Protein backbone atom coordinates (compact mmCIF):
# COMPACT_ATOMS: atom_id res chain seq x y z
CA MET A 1 137.99 82.20 135.78
CA SER A 2 137.60 82.61 131.96
CA GLU A 3 140.18 81.06 129.71
CA HIS A 4 141.08 84.64 128.35
CA VAL A 5 141.70 85.94 131.78
CA GLU A 6 143.80 82.94 132.74
CA GLN A 7 145.97 83.35 129.57
CA THR A 8 146.48 87.01 130.35
CA ARG A 9 147.44 86.26 133.92
CA ARG A 10 150.09 83.85 132.78
CA ARG A 11 151.64 86.32 130.31
CA MET A 12 152.01 89.02 132.90
CA CYS A 13 155.53 89.04 134.16
CA GLU A 14 156.37 90.11 137.62
CA MET A 15 157.53 93.68 136.45
CA SER A 16 154.34 94.35 134.50
CA PHE A 17 152.27 93.29 137.50
CA ALA A 18 154.25 95.59 139.75
CA ALA A 19 153.73 98.48 137.35
CA PHE A 20 150.11 97.98 137.27
CA GLY A 21 148.57 101.03 138.88
CA ILE A 22 151.87 102.66 139.52
CA THR A 23 150.55 106.10 139.03
CA CYS A 24 147.29 105.83 140.80
CA LEU A 25 147.59 103.42 143.71
CA GLY A 26 149.43 103.72 146.96
CA TYR A 27 149.69 101.03 149.58
CA VAL A 28 149.55 101.84 153.27
CA LYS A 29 150.94 99.41 155.80
CA SER A 30 151.11 99.83 159.59
CA VAL A 31 154.57 99.29 161.04
CA ARG A 32 155.76 99.26 164.57
CA GLN A 33 158.52 101.72 165.46
CA GLY A 34 159.54 100.98 169.02
CA ASP A 35 156.39 101.45 171.08
CA GLN A 36 154.48 103.44 168.38
CA ILE A 37 152.55 102.50 165.28
CA GLU A 38 153.52 104.50 162.05
CA TYR A 39 152.09 104.09 158.40
CA SER A 40 154.45 103.31 155.62
CA VAL A 41 153.29 104.26 152.16
CA HIS A 42 154.56 102.36 149.06
CA GLY A 43 153.92 102.71 145.42
CA ALA A 44 152.55 99.92 143.30
CA ASP A 45 156.03 98.78 142.35
CA GLY A 46 157.10 98.68 145.98
CA THR A 47 158.90 101.93 146.20
CA HIS A 48 158.85 103.35 149.60
CA LEU A 49 157.16 106.79 149.39
CA GLY A 50 157.13 107.85 152.94
CA GLN A 51 156.27 107.02 156.49
CA PHE A 52 153.67 109.00 158.69
CA GLY A 53 152.60 109.04 162.21
CA ASN A 54 148.88 108.31 161.44
CA ARG A 55 146.71 106.66 158.81
CA ALA A 56 144.76 109.98 158.11
CA THR A 57 147.99 111.81 157.10
CA ALA A 58 149.22 108.91 155.00
CA ASP A 59 145.73 108.80 153.08
CA ALA A 60 145.65 112.61 152.69
CA ILE A 61 149.15 112.71 151.12
CA LEU A 62 148.17 110.06 148.62
CA LEU A 63 144.91 111.83 147.89
CA GLN A 64 146.88 115.12 147.22
CA HIS A 65 149.07 113.20 144.60
CA ASP A 66 145.78 111.87 142.96
CA MET A 67 146.49 108.37 144.30
CA GLU A 68 144.06 105.89 145.78
CA SER A 69 145.05 104.59 149.18
CA LEU A 70 144.89 100.71 149.62
CA SER A 71 145.66 98.86 152.97
CA VAL A 72 148.35 96.10 153.04
CA HIS A 73 148.11 93.66 156.06
């Protein structure tokens, strides 16, 4: 890692990192609800945006709001 990148990383506080991509990234995580799997969608800052019955719907909702869907494991 370059020295410049390392210095920048050190300066980024937790909140600025959370805000990175806040308007263009959505994180999708599968969650178990009883005996079913649903898909929870969160903004880059961790805000819960919704929960959907399937991954395709979660991805489509993000796309409609001009957000890129990323998986969280």
